[in-house]
């Protein structure tokens, strides 16, 4: 039994190492182009379609559990509005300087959230996904880790609104690291990437965990924690050198690398020069998300040539990419041959 366990561990480690030798396919919220996002079904399908890594965005419950939702406001992605028992919990909050109205995970216990069911976030574009509305629970982070370990893929959790949650006594960094330690994945070689749009919590995580840290960058705006004047400043040569002091890589909006059909920027080369890996987000198949030259027809929800868009970025040297369509992403990656 001991020899079998060692053999399986070696096989898993070898597979993870091999995946790092080529650009990784990161399933953005699971196979969210085909199933309601952040459900175990979406993650399972993503793995079946060839994803190397699955991405759970993490928000806390009232009783401190971490669950996978893109936002703590859940009216958009669950059937909470149909639950009369929760009607009075609809409220308005200010999160990262923006007023948001709806239902929020931090006002529900985990047991209460487990009574809800997921629904498609983009029904106008992904109407075929609505047939899965009402089928799937909100998964916990522990459930996502268990799935990833069972299927031998990596995880790419994002800490959502860390400053906001810390301010209300529901900080997510410590329970996230605790969950990784419990899973045996708090190691430098673990198949784990921790990401955040904020800076200070990543700097704190640097001293809390050994896993890879990814600084997310947007095409506009600035970190909500005020740690930098803008994401644009962070993407300069000097800014990238500062990021490299605490992070393993960056996750820039794809427009920061190539804005539609425009000529590419030097961000990939600049990041590599600073010793950072580059994982842009997010590649989606629908025309509305495609550059004009890669659209098919004029309907916003019709699929364009997303594999070609991914290939364009692979040609610029990205080390991985986020996609709602891991089947197409894996196909593009496997067909790509560097010049």
C-alpha atoms as a PDB file:
ATOM      1  CA  UNK A   1       0.000   0.000   0.000  1.00  0.00           C
ATOM      2  CA  UNK A   2       2.845   2.391   0.844  1.00  0.00           C
ATOM      3  CA  UNK A   3       4.521   1.740  -2.506  1.00  0.00           C
ATOM      4  CA  UNK A   4       1.223   2.275  -4.334  1.00  0.00           C
ATOM      5  CA  UNK A   5       0.670   5.581  -2.540  1.00  0.00           C
ATOM      6  CA  UNK A   6       4.183   6.730  -3.436  1.00  0.00           C
ATOM      7  CA  UNK A   7       3.674   5.729  -7.050  1.00  0.00           C
ATOM      8  CA  UNK A   8       0.405   7.640  -7.275  1.00  0.00           C
ATOM      9  CA  UNK A   9       1.965  10.719  -5.671  1.00  0.00           C
ATOM     10  CA  UNK A  10       4.860  10.591  -8.140  1.00  0.00           C
ATOM     11  CA  UNK A  11       2.455  10.203 -11.055  1.00  0.00           C
ATOM     12  CA  UNK A  12       0.407  13.194  -9.909  1.00  0.00           C
ATOM     13  CA  UNK A  13       3.505  15.329  -9.371  1.00  0.00           C
ATOM     14  CA  UNK A  14       4.873  14.375 -12.784  1.00  0.00           C
ATOM     15  CA  UNK A  15       1.612  15.317 -14.468  1.00  0.00           C
ATOM     16  CA  UNK A  16       1.529  18.705 -12.712  1.00  0.00           C
ATOM     17  CA  UNK A  17       5.135  19.395 -13.666  1.00  0.00           C
ATOM     18  CA  UNK A  18       4.424  18.517 -17.281  1.00  0.00           C
ATOM     19  CA  UNK A  19       1.505  20.934 -17.340  1.00  0.00           C
ATOM     20  CA  UNK A  20       3.817  23.743 -16.174  1.00  0.00           C
ATOM     21  CA  UNK A  21       6.139  23.099 -19.122  1.00  0.00           C
ATOM     22  CA  UNK A  22       3.550  24.585 -21.485  1.00  0.00           C
ATOM     23  CA  UNK A  23       0.933  27.353 -21.226  1.00  0.00           C
ATOM     24  CA  UNK A  24      -1.742  26.332 -18.750  1.00  0.00           C
ATOM     25  CA  UNK A  25      -5.476  26.394 -19.477  1.00  0.00           C
ATOM     26  CA  UNK A  26      -7.275  28.022 -16.550  1.00  0.00           C
ATOM     27  CA  UNK A  27     -11.001  27.271 -16.436  1.00  0.00           C
ATOM     28  CA  UNK A  28     -12.499  30.641 -15.527  1.00  0.00           C
ATOM     29  CA  UNK A  29     -15.208  29.862 -12.941  1.00  0.00           C
ATOM     30  CA  UNK A  30     -15.202  26.356 -14.423  1.00  0.00           C
ATOM     31  CA  UNK A  31     -16.479  25.660 -17.938  1.00  0.00           C
ATOM     32  CA  UNK A  32     -18.719  28.696 -17.487  1.00  0.00           C
ATOM     33  CA  UNK A  33     -19.441  28.923 -21.201  1.00  0.00           C
ATOM     34  CA  UNK A  34     -21.293  25.611 -20.893  1.00  0.00           C
ATOM     35  CA  UNK A  35     -22.652  25.417 -17.331  1.00  0.00           C
ATOM     36  CA  UNK A  36     -23.662  27.949 -14.655  1.00  0.00           C
ATOM     37  CA  UNK A  37     -20.435  29.328 -13.230  1.00  0.00           C
ATOM     38  CA  UNK A  38     -18.827  28.282  -9.964  1.00  0.00           C
ATOM     39  CA  UNK A  39     -20.650  24.967  -9.681  1.00  0.00           C
ATOM     40  CA  UNK A  40     -19.077  21.547  -9.260  1.00  0.00           C
ATOM     41  CA  UNK A  41     -20.684  20.628 -12.583  1.00  0.00           C
ATOM     42  CA  UNK A  42     -18.870  23.514 -14.302  1.00  0.00           C
ATOM     43  CA  UNK A  43     -15.566  22.497 -12.730  1.00  0.00           C
ATOM     44  CA  UNK A  44     -16.057  18.811 -13.606  1.00  0.00           C
ATOM     45  CA  UNK A  45     -16.834  19.649 -17.225  1.00  0.00           C
ATOM     46  CA  UNK A  46     -13.817  21.954 -17.423  1.00  0.00           C
ATOM     47  CA  UNK A  47     -11.551  19.127 -16.314  1.00  0.00           C
ATOM     48  CA  UNK A  48     -13.165  16.778 -18.838  1.00  0.00           C
ATOM     49  CA  UNK A  49     -12.505  19.394 -21.538  1.00  0.00           C
ATOM     50  CA  UNK A  50      -8.791  19.619 -20.789  1.00  0.00           C
ATOM     51  CA  UNK A  51      -8.350  22.381 -18.208  1.00  0.00           C
ATOM     52  CA  UNK A  52      -5.139  22.220 -16.206  1.00  0.00           C
ATOM     53  CA  UNK A  53      -6.498  24.441 -13.443  1.00  0.00           C
ATOM     54  CA  UNK A  54      -9.952  25.384 -12.141  1.00  0.00           C
ATOM     55  CA  UNK A  55     -10.714  28.823 -10.718  1.00  0.00           C
ATOM     56  CA  UNK A  56     -12.915  29.369  -7.665  1.00  0.00           C
ATOM     57  CA  UNK A  57     -13.560  32.977  -6.637  1.00  0.00           C
ATOM     58  CA  UNK A  58     -13.907  32.943  -2.856  1.00  0.00           C
ATOM     59  CA  UNK A  59     -16.284  34.853  -0.587  1.00  0.00           C
ATOM     60  CA  UNK A  60     -17.216  34.140   3.058  1.00  0.00           C
ATOM     61  CA  UNK A  61     -20.476  33.158   4.683  1.00  0.00           C
ATOM     62  CA  UNK A  62     -21.811  34.641   7.923  1.00  0.00           C
ATOM     63  CA  UNK A  63     -20.294  31.728   9.828  1.00  0.00           C
ATOM     64  CA  UNK A  64     -16.907  32.016   8.155  1.00  0.00           C
ATOM     65  CA  UNK A  65     -17.019  29.296   5.485  1.00  0.00           C
ATOM     66  CA  UNK A  66     -15.454  30.060   2.103  1.00  0.00           C
ATOM     67  CA  UNK A  67     -17.721  29.456  -0.894  1.00  0.00           C
ATOM     68  CA  UNK A  68     -17.245  29.790  -4.632  1.00  0.00           C
ATOM     69  CA  UNK A  69     -19.073  32.817  -6.044  1.00  0.00           C
ATOM     70  CA  UNK A  70     -17.794  35.516  -8.353  1.00  0.00           C
ATOM     71  CA  UNK A  71     -19.274  38.138  -6.068  1.00  0.00           C
ATOM     72  CA  UNK A  72     -20.693  38.202  -2.572  1.00  0.00           C
ATOM     73  CA  UNK A  73     -23.904  39.570  -4.115  1.00  0.00           C
ATOM     74  CA  UNK A  74     -25.738  36.422  -5.190  1.00  0.00           C
ATOM     75  CA  UNK A  75     -28.992  37.675  -6.723  1.00  0.00           C
ATOM     76  CA  UNK A  76     -27.421  37.434 -10.167  1.00  0.00           C
ATOM     77  CA  UNK A  77     -26.149  33.859  -9.892  1.00  0.00           C
ATOM     78  CA  UNK A  78     -28.629  32.040  -7.617  1.00  0.00           C
ATOM     79  CA  UNK A  79     -32.371  31.644  -7.121  1.00  0.00           C
ATOM     80  CA  UNK A  80     -32.315  33.552  -3.802  1.00  0.00           C
ATOM     81  CA  UNK A  81     -34.967  36.002  -5.086  1.00  0.00           C
ATOM     82  CA  UNK A  82     -37.444  33.102  -5.223  1.00  0.00           C
ATOM     83  CA  UNK A  83     -36.949  32.265  -1.537  1.00  0.00           C
ATOM     84  CA  UNK A  84     -39.584  34.191   0.407  1.00  0.00           C
ATOM     85  CA  UNK A  85     -37.834  33.350   3.662  1.00  0.00           C
ATOM     86  CA  UNK A  86     -34.856  35.460   2.561  1.00  0.00           C
ATOM     87  CA  UNK A  87     -36.744  38.435   1.086  1.00  0.00           C
ATOM     88  CA  UNK A  88     -35.978  40.694   4.060  1.00  0.00           C
ATOM     89  CA  UNK A  89     -32.238  40.187   3.609  1.00  0.00           C
ATOM     90  CA  UNK A  90     -32.168  42.155   0.373  1.00  0.00           C
ATOM     91  CA  UNK A  91     -30.173  45.265   1.145  1.00  0.00           C
ATOM     92  CA  UNK A  92     -27.760  47.862  -0.219  1.00  0.00           C
ATOM     93  CA  UNK A  93     -24.075  47.917   0.702  1.00  0.00           C
ATOM     94  CA  UNK A  94     -21.020  49.895  -0.335  1.00  0.00           C
ATOM     95  CA  UNK A  95     -18.298  47.533  -1.522  1.00  0.00           C
ATOM     96  CA  UNK A  96     -14.986  48.933  -2.721  1.00  0.00           C
ATOM     97  CA  UNK A  97     -16.607  52.350  -3.089  1.00  0.00           C
ATOM     98  CA  UNK A  98     -19.558  51.137  -5.160  1.00  0.00           C
ATOM     99  CA  UNK A  99     -23.176  50.794  -4.040  1.00  0.00           C
ATOM    100  CA  UNK A 100     -24.563  47.311  -4.632  1.00  0.00           C
ATOM    101  CA  UNK A 101     -28.112  46.123  -3.956  1.00  0.00           C
ATOM    102  CA  UNK A 102     -29.046  42.489  -3.499  1.00  0.00           C
ATOM    103  CA  UNK A 103     -28.382  39.516  -1.259  1.00  0.00           C
ATOM    104  CA  UNK A 104     -24.904  38.959   0.161  1.00  0.00           C
ATOM    105  CA  UNK A 105     -23.127  35.775   1.223  1.00  0.00           C
ATOM    106  CA  UNK A 106     -21.925  37.341   4.453  1.00  0.00           C
ATOM    107  CA  UNK A 107     -25.561  37.617   5.604  1.00  0.00           C
ATOM    108  CA  UNK A 108     -26.191  33.868   5.225  1.00  0.00           C
ATOM    109  CA  UNK A 109     -24.903  30.830   7.053  1.00  0.00           C
ATOM    110  CA  UNK A 110     -23.438  28.039   4.975  1.00  0.00           C
ATOM    111  CA  UNK A 111     -26.479  25.885   5.735  1.00  0.00           C
ATOM    112  CA  UNK A 112     -28.760  28.602   4.383  1.00  0.00           C
ATOM    113  CA  UNK A 113     -26.674  29.075   1.226  1.00  0.00           C
ATOM    114  CA  UNK A 114     -26.835  25.337   0.606  1.00  0.00           C
ATOM    115  CA  UNK A 115     -30.628  25.669   0.184  1.00  0.00           C
ATOM    116  CA  UNK A 116     -30.085  27.912  -2.850  1.00  0.00           C
ATOM    117  CA  UNK A 117     -29.384  26.769  -6.395  1.00  0.00           C
ATOM    118  CA  UNK A 118     -27.197  28.319  -9.080  1.00  0.00           C
ATOM    119  CA  UNK A 119     -28.459  29.931 -12.258  1.00  0.00           C
ATOM    120  CA  UNK A 120     -26.851  31.214 -15.454  1.00  0.00           C
ATOM    121  CA  UNK A 121     -25.358  34.697 -15.051  1.00  0.00           C
ATOM    122  CA  UNK A 122     -25.527  35.628 -18.767  1.00  0.00           C
ATOM    123  CA  UNK A 123     -28.853  34.184 -19.971  1.00  0.00           C
ATOM    124  CA  UNK A 124     -29.097  36.589 -22.918  1.00  0.00           C
ATOM    125  CA  UNK A 125     -25.808  35.290 -24.342  1.00  0.00           C
ATOM    126  CA  UNK A 126     -25.868  31.734 -22.990  1.00  0.00           C
ATOM    127  CA  UNK A 127     -29.501  30.758 -23.185  1.00  0.00           C
ATOM    128  CA  UNK A 128     -28.656  27.064 -23.563  1.00  0.00           C
ATOM    129  CA  UNK A 129     -27.119  27.149 -20.074  1.00  0.00           C
ATOM    130  CA  UNK A 130     -30.417  28.164 -18.498  1.00  0.00           C
ATOM    131  CA  UNK A 131     -31.644  24.571 -18.759  1.00  0.00           C
ATOM    132  CA  UNK A 132     -29.302  23.862 -15.861  1.00  0.00           C
ATOM    133  CA  UNK A 133     -30.785  26.577 -13.648  1.00  0.00           C
ATOM    134  CA  UNK A 134     -31.894  25.223 -10.288  1.00  0.00           C
ATOM    135  CA  UNK A 135     -29.801  22.038 -10.419  1.00  0.00           C
ATOM    136  CA  UNK A 136     -26.583  22.846  -8.609  1.00  0.00           C
ATOM    137  CA  UNK A 137     -25.587  23.941  -5.110  1.00  0.00           C
ATOM    138  CA  UNK A 138     -23.092  26.624  -4.189  1.00  0.00           C
ATOM    139  CA  UNK A 139     -19.859  24.702  -3.548  1.00  0.00           C
ATOM    140  CA  UNK A 140     -17.524  25.309  -0.631  1.00  0.00           C
ATOM    141  CA  UNK A 141     -13.806  25.850  -1.138  1.00  0.00           C
ATOM    142  CA  UNK A 142     -13.199  22.518   0.587  1.00  0.00           C
ATOM    143  CA  UNK A 143     -15.423  20.792  -1.975  1.00  0.00           C
ATOM    144  CA  UNK A 144     -13.527  22.434  -4.846  1.00  0.00           C
ATOM    145  CA  UNK A 145     -10.184  21.339  -3.398  1.00  0.00           C
ATOM    146  CA  UNK A 146     -11.471  17.787  -2.963  1.00  0.00           C
ATOM    147  CA  UNK A 147     -12.608  17.701  -6.584  1.00  0.00           C
ATOM    148  CA  UNK A 148      -9.294  19.053  -7.840  1.00  0.00           C
ATOM    149  CA  UNK A 149      -7.308  16.518  -5.838  1.00  0.00           C
ATOM    150  CA  UNK A 150      -9.504  13.664  -6.989  1.00  0.00           C
ATOM    151  CA  UNK A 151      -9.201  14.720 -10.648  1.00  0.00           C
ATOM    152  CA  UNK A 152      -5.521  15.727 -10.338  1.00  0.00           C
ATOM    153  CA  UNK A 153      -5.764  19.312 -11.524  1.00  0.00           C
ATOM    154  CA  UNK A 154      -4.694  22.580  -9.953  1.00  0.00           C
ATOM    155  CA  UNK A 155      -6.712  25.366  -8.370  1.00  0.00           C
ATOM    156  CA  UNK A 156      -6.519  29.121  -8.882  1.00  0.00           C
ATOM    157  CA  UNK A 157      -8.546  30.745  -6.080  1.00  0.00           C
ATOM    158  CA  UNK A 158      -9.197  34.484  -6.073  1.00  0.00           C
ATOM    159  CA  UNK A 159      -9.683  36.380  -2.834  1.00  0.00           C
ATOM    160  CA  UNK A 160     -12.589  38.749  -3.522  1.00  0.00           C
ATOM    161  CA  UNK A 161     -12.754  42.163  -1.812  1.00  0.00           C
ATOM    162  CA  UNK A 162     -10.238  41.223   0.918  1.00  0.00           C
ATOM    163  CA  UNK A 163     -10.118  44.697   2.502  1.00  0.00           C
ATOM    164  CA  UNK A 164     -13.911  44.905   2.689  1.00  0.00           C
ATOM    165  CA  UNK A 165     -14.251  41.469   4.281  1.00  0.00           C
ATOM    166  CA  UNK A 166     -11.444  42.083   6.755  1.00  0.00           C
ATOM    167  CA  UNK A 167     -13.184  45.298   7.835  1.00  0.00           C
ATOM    168  CA  UNK A 168     -16.370  43.403   8.737  1.00  0.00           C
ATOM    169  CA  UNK A 169     -14.536  40.685  10.619  1.00  0.00           C
ATOM    170  CA  UNK A 170     -14.683  38.057   7.895  1.00  0.00           C
ATOM    171  CA  UNK A 171     -11.160  38.146   6.500  1.00  0.00           C
ATOM    172  CA  UNK A 172     -10.553  35.443   3.898  1.00  0.00           C
ATOM    173  CA  UNK A 173      -6.761  35.099   3.833  1.00  0.00           C
ATOM    174  CA  UNK A 174      -6.338  33.051   7.032  1.00  0.00           C
ATOM    175  CA  UNK A 175      -9.135  30.529   6.307  1.00  0.00           C
ATOM    176  CA  UNK A 176      -7.892  30.166   2.736  1.00  0.00           C
ATOM    177  CA  UNK A 177      -4.380  29.296   3.892  1.00  0.00           C
ATOM    178  CA  UNK A 178      -5.771  27.000   6.585  1.00  0.00           C
ATOM    179  CA  UNK A 179      -7.752  25.097   3.952  1.00  0.00           C
ATOM    180  CA  UNK A 180      -4.623  24.680   1.815  1.00  0.00           C
ATOM    181  CA  UNK A 181      -2.639  23.416   4.792  1.00  0.00           C
ATOM    182  CA  UNK A 182      -5.361  20.937   5.666  1.00  0.00           C
ATOM    183  CA  UNK A 183      -5.264  19.658   2.084  1.00  0.00           C
ATOM    184  CA  UNK A 184      -1.467  19.362   2.119  1.00  0.00           C
ATOM    185  CA  UNK A 185      -1.209  22.029  -0.575  1.00  0.00           C
ATOM    186  CA  UNK A 186       0.654  24.756   1.282  1.00  0.00           C
ATOM    187  CA  UNK A 187       3.863  24.028  -0.630  1.00  0.00           C
ATOM    188  CA  UNK A 188       5.891  25.885  -3.229  1.00  0.00           C
ATOM    189  CA  UNK A 189       5.361  23.005  -5.662  1.00  0.00           C
ATOM    190  CA  UNK A 190       1.629  22.614  -4.955  1.00  0.00           C
ATOM    191  CA  UNK A 191      -0.684  23.045  -7.981  1.00  0.00           C
ATOM    192  CA  UNK A 192      -2.067  26.260  -6.482  1.00  0.00           C
ATOM    193  CA  UNK A 193      -2.096  29.902  -7.607  1.00  0.00           C
ATOM    194  CA  UNK A 194      -3.565  32.584  -5.311  1.00  0.00           C
ATOM    195  CA  UNK A 195      -4.775  35.732  -7.046  1.00  0.00           C
ATOM    196  CA  UNK A 196      -6.076  39.132  -5.999  1.00  0.00           C
ATOM    197  CA  UNK A 197      -6.839  42.530  -7.527  1.00  0.00           C
ATOM    198  CA  UNK A 198      -5.604  44.058  -4.282  1.00  0.00           C
ATOM    199  CA  UNK A 199      -1.978  44.353  -3.240  1.00  0.00           C
ATOM    200  CA  UNK A 200      -1.732  44.403   0.538  1.00  0.00           C
ATOM    201  CA  UNK A 201      -3.393  41.038   1.053  1.00  0.00           C
ATOM    202  CA  UNK A 202      -1.027  39.409  -1.453  1.00  0.00           C
ATOM    203  CA  UNK A 203       1.898  40.955   0.382  1.00  0.00           C
ATOM    204  CA  UNK A 204       0.496  39.554   3.628  1.00  0.00           C
ATOM    205  CA  UNK A 205      -0.067  36.155   2.023  1.00  0.00           C
ATOM    206  CA  UNK A 206       3.603  36.140   1.013  1.00  0.00           C
ATOM    207  CA  UNK A 207       4.388  35.581   4.682  1.00  0.00           C
ATOM    208  CA  UNK A 208       1.548  33.115   5.262  1.00  0.00           C
ATOM    209  CA  UNK A 209       1.942  30.573   2.477  1.00  0.00           C
ATOM    210  CA  UNK A 210       4.473  29.123   0.050  1.00  0.00           C
ATOM    211  CA  UNK A 211       2.167  28.810  -2.982  1.00  0.00           C
ATOM    212  CA  UNK A 212       2.395  30.988  -6.095  1.00  0.00           C
ATOM    213  CA  UNK A 213       0.871  34.454  -5.820  1.00  0.00           C
ATOM    214  CA  UNK A 214      -0.641  36.261  -8.809  1.00  0.00           C
ATOM    215  CA  UNK A 215      -1.239  40.014  -8.950  1.00  0.00           C
ATOM    216  CA  UNK A 216      -4.333  40.710 -11.029  1.00  0.00           C
ATOM    217  CA  UNK A 217      -4.347  43.850 -13.190  1.00  0.00           C
ATOM    218  CA  UNK A 218      -7.248  45.565 -14.910  1.00  0.00           C
ATOM    219  CA  UNK A 219      -7.219  47.729 -18.016  1.00  0.00           C
ATOM    220  CA  UNK A 220      -8.531  50.651 -15.946  1.00  0.00           C
ATOM    221  CA  UNK A 221      -8.912  51.740 -12.344  1.00  0.00           C
ATOM    222  CA  UNK A 222      -6.742  50.983  -9.329  1.00  0.00           C
ATOM    223  CA  UNK A 223      -6.545  48.485  -6.457  1.00  0.00           C
ATOM    224  CA  UNK A 224      -9.370  48.969  -3.943  1.00  0.00           C
ATOM    225  CA  UNK A 225      -6.899  48.966  -1.050  1.00  0.00           C
ATOM    226  CA  UNK A 226      -5.203  52.125  -2.358  1.00  0.00           C
ATOM    227  CA  UNK A 227      -1.809  50.437  -2.541  1.00  0.00           C
ATOM    228  CA  UNK A 228      -1.072  51.825  -6.020  1.00  0.00           C
ATOM    229  CA  UNK A 229      -2.297  54.892  -7.940  1.00  0.00           C
ATOM    230  CA  UNK A 230      -3.506  52.769 -10.862  1.00  0.00           C
ATOM    231  CA  UNK A 231      -3.179  49.388 -12.517  1.00  0.00           C
ATOM    232  CA  UNK A 232      -1.508  51.202 -15.422  1.00  0.00           C
ATOM    233  CA  UNK A 233       1.254  52.345 -13.050  1.00  0.00           C
ATOM    234  CA  UNK A 234       1.663  48.789 -11.819  1.00  0.00           C
ATOM    235  CA  UNK A 235       2.148  47.609 -15.403  1.00  0.00           C
ATOM    236  CA  UNK A 236       5.162  49.868 -16.015  1.00  0.00           C
ATOM    237  CA  UNK A 237       8.703  48.531 -15.829  1.00  0.00           C
ATOM    238  CA  UNK A 238       9.119  49.941 -12.329  1.00  0.00           C
ATOM    239  CA  UNK A 239       5.696  48.692 -11.254  1.00  0.00           C
ATOM    240  CA  UNK A 240       6.402  45.168 -12.468  1.00  0.00           C
ATOM    241  CA  UNK A 241       9.686  45.068 -10.562  1.00  0.00           C
ATOM    242  CA  UNK A 242       7.769  46.000  -7.411  1.00  0.00           C
ATOM    243  CA  UNK A 243       5.191  43.252  -8.051  1.00  0.00           C
ATOM    244  CA  UNK A 244       8.020  40.748  -8.467  1.00  0.00           C
ATOM    245  CA  UNK A 245       9.023  41.405  -4.845  1.00  0.00           C
ATOM    246  CA  UNK A 246       5.963  39.503  -3.607  1.00  0.00           C
ATOM    247  CA  UNK A 247       4.276  37.773  -6.568  1.00  0.00           C
ATOM    248  CA  UNK A 248       5.153  34.916  -8.908  1.00  0.00           C
ATOM    249  CA  UNK A 249       3.165  36.304 -11.816  1.00  0.00           C
ATOM    250  CA  UNK A 250       0.535  38.722 -13.089  1.00  0.00           C
ATOM    251  CA  UNK A 251      -2.978  38.196 -14.384  1.00  0.00           C
ATOM    252  CA  UNK A 252      -3.658  41.167 -16.676  1.00  0.00           C
ATOM    253  CA  UNK A 253      -6.844  41.922 -18.576  1.00  0.00           C
ATOM    254  CA  UNK A 254      -6.198  40.643 -22.095  1.00  0.00           C
ATOM    255  CA  UNK A 255      -6.667  44.173 -23.482  1.00  0.00           C
ATOM    256  CA  UNK A 256      -3.511  45.191 -21.651  1.00  0.00           C
ATOM    257  CA  UNK A 257      -1.603  42.797 -23.898  1.00  0.00           C
ATOM    258  CA  UNK A 258      -3.542  43.305 -27.098  1.00  0.00           C
ATOM    259  CA  UNK A 259      -6.565  45.574 -27.252  1.00  0.00           C
ATOM    260  CA  UNK A 260      -8.815  43.990 -29.856  1.00  0.00           C
ATOM    261  CA  UNK A 261      -7.145  44.170 -33.256  1.00  0.00           C
ATOM    262  CA  UNK A 262      -4.608  46.794 -32.196  1.00  0.00           C
ATOM    263  CA  UNK A 263      -0.878  46.164 -32.161  1.00  0.00           C
ATOM    264  CA  UNK A 264       0.279  44.322 -29.038  1.00  0.00           C
ATOM    265  CA  UNK A 265       1.890  46.045 -26.085  1.00  0.00           C
ATOM    266  CA  UNK A 266       5.209  45.065 -24.539  1.00  0.00           C
ATOM    267  CA  UNK A 267       3.617  43.890 -21.284  1.00  0.00           C
ATOM    268  CA  UNK A 268       4.444  40.192 -21.722  1.00  0.00           C
ATOM    269  CA  UNK A 269       8.097  40.877 -22.484  1.00  0.00           C
ATOM    270  CA  UNK A 270       8.330  43.468 -19.713  1.00  0.00           C
ATOM    271  CA  UNK A 271       6.812  41.083 -17.172  1.00  0.00           C
ATOM    272  CA  UNK A 272       9.121  38.264 -18.203  1.00  0.00           C
ATOM    273  CA  UNK A 273      12.088  40.636 -17.868  1.00  0.00           C
ATOM    274  CA  UNK A 274      10.972  41.270 -14.278  1.00  0.00           C
ATOM    275  CA  UNK A 275      10.817  37.521 -13.642  1.00  0.00           C
ATOM    276  CA  UNK A 276       7.022  37.307 -13.686  1.00  0.00           C
ATOM    277  CA  UNK A 277       4.766  34.793 -15.434  1.00  0.00           C
ATOM    278  CA  UNK A 278       1.769  36.133 -17.378  1.00  0.00           C
ATOM    279  CA  UNK A 279      -1.789  34.688 -17.312  1.00  0.00           C
ATOM    280  CA  UNK A 280      -4.240  37.032 -19.101  1.00  0.00           C
ATOM    281  CA  UNK A 281      -8.022  37.007 -18.619  1.00  0.00           C
ATOM    282  CA  UNK A 282     -10.633  36.272 -19.961  1.00  0.00           C
ATOM    283  CA  UNK A 283     -11.088  34.549 -23.335  1.00  0.00           C
ATOM    284  CA  UNK A 284     -14.754  34.079 -24.226  1.00  0.00           C
ATOM    285  CA  UNK A 285     -16.184  32.721 -27.461  1.00  0.00           C
ATOM    286  CA  UNK A 286     -19.165  35.040 -27.967  1.00  0.00           C
ATOM    287  CA  UNK A 287     -18.876  37.761 -30.610  1.00  0.00           C
ATOM    288  CA  UNK A 288     -19.484  40.516 -28.081  1.00  0.00           C
ATOM    289  CA  UNK A 289     -16.196  39.593 -26.396  1.00  0.00           C
ATOM    290  CA  UNK A 290     -14.224  39.086 -29.623  1.00  0.00           C
ATOM    291  CA  UNK A 291     -12.153  41.628 -31.594  1.00  0.00           C
ATOM    292  CA  UNK A 292     -13.953  42.711 -34.796  1.00  0.00           C
ATOM    293  CA  UNK A 293     -11.695  40.673 -37.073  1.00  0.00           C
ATOM    294  CA  UNK A 294     -12.578  37.431 -35.284  1.00  0.00           C
ATOM    295  CA  UNK A 295     -16.364  37.777 -35.064  1.00  0.00           C
ATOM    296  CA  UNK A 296     -18.692  35.465 -36.951  1.00  0.00           C
ATOM    297  CA  UNK A 297     -21.767  37.291 -38.183  1.00  0.00           C
ATOM    298  CA  UNK A 298     -23.346  40.089 -36.166  1.00  0.00           C
ATOM    299  CA  UNK A 299     -25.289  38.354 -33.370  1.00  0.00           C
ATOM    300  CA  UNK A 300     -23.680  39.193 -30.007  1.00  0.00           C
ATOM    301  CA  UNK A 301     -24.105  35.664 -28.626  1.00  0.00           C
ATOM    302  CA  UNK A 302     -22.860  33.802 -31.681  1.00  0.00           C
ATOM    303  CA  UNK A 303     -19.422  32.249 -31.272  1.00  0.00           C
ATOM    304  CA  UNK A 304     -16.503  33.921 -32.938  1.00  0.00           C
ATOM    305  CA  UNK A 305     -13.011  32.554 -33.513  1.00  0.00           C
ATOM    306  CA  UNK A 306     -11.814  32.440 -29.916  1.00  0.00           C
ATOM    307  CA  UNK A 307      -9.148  29.850 -30.653  1.00  0.00           C
ATOM    308  CA  UNK A 308      -7.489  32.314 -33.005  1.00  0.00           C
ATOM    309  CA  UNK A 309      -7.633  35.013 -30.358  1.00  0.00           C
ATOM    310  CA  UNK A 310      -5.955  32.701 -27.860  1.00  0.00           C
ATOM    311  CA  UNK A 311      -3.325  31.764 -30.464  1.00  0.00           C
ATOM    312  CA  UNK A 312      -2.522  35.459 -30.947  1.00  0.00           C
ATOM    313  CA  UNK A 313      -1.702  35.766 -27.267  1.00  0.00           C
ATOM    314  CA  UNK A 314       0.207  32.503 -27.156  1.00  0.00           C
ATOM    315  CA  UNK A 315       2.368  33.871 -29.963  1.00  0.00           C
ATOM    316  CA  UNK A 316       3.239  36.788 -27.680  1.00  0.00           C
ATOM    317  CA  UNK A 317       4.547  34.377 -25.061  1.00  0.00           C
ATOM    318  CA  UNK A 318       1.855  34.198 -22.385  1.00  0.00           C
ATOM    319  CA  UNK A 319       2.362  31.411 -19.854  1.00  0.00           C
ATOM    320  CA  UNK A 320      -1.306  30.507 -19.472  1.00  0.00           C
ATOM    321  CA  UNK A 321      -4.739  32.046 -19.868  1.00  0.00           C
ATOM    322  CA  UNK A 322      -8.189  32.211 -18.323  1.00  0.00           C
ATOM    323  CA  UNK A 323     -11.109  31.081 -20.464  1.00  0.00           C
ATOM    324  CA  UNK A 324     -14.820  30.346 -20.051  1.00  0.00           C
ATOM    325  CA  UNK A 325     -14.368  27.751 -22.807  1.00  0.00           C
ATOM    326  CA  UNK A 326     -11.637  25.308 -21.738  1.00  0.00           C
ATOM    327  CA  UNK A 327     -12.387  22.908 -24.608  1.00  0.00           C
ATOM    328  CA  UNK A 328     -11.516  25.588 -27.149  1.00  0.00           C
ATOM    329  CA  UNK A 329      -8.696  26.813 -24.927  1.00  0.00           C
ATOM    330  CA  UNK A 330      -7.054  23.406 -24.693  1.00  0.00           C
ATOM    331  CA  UNK A 331      -7.477  22.904 -28.422  1.00  0.00           C
ATOM    332  CA  UNK A 332      -5.825  26.251 -29.184  1.00  0.00           C
ATOM    333  CA  UNK A 333      -2.970  25.568 -26.781  1.00  0.00           C
ATOM    334  CA  UNK A 334      -2.352  22.053 -28.088  1.00  0.00           C
ATOM    335  CA  UNK A 335      -2.333  23.219 -31.711  1.00  0.00           C
ATOM    336  CA  UNK A 336      -0.048  26.165 -31.078  1.00  0.00           C
ATOM    337  CA  UNK A 337       3.574  25.762 -32.103  1.00  0.00           C
ATOM    338  CA  UNK A 338       5.968  28.547 -31.122  1.00  0.00           C
ATOM    339  CA  UNK A 339       7.972  29.982 -33.983  1.00  0.00           C
END
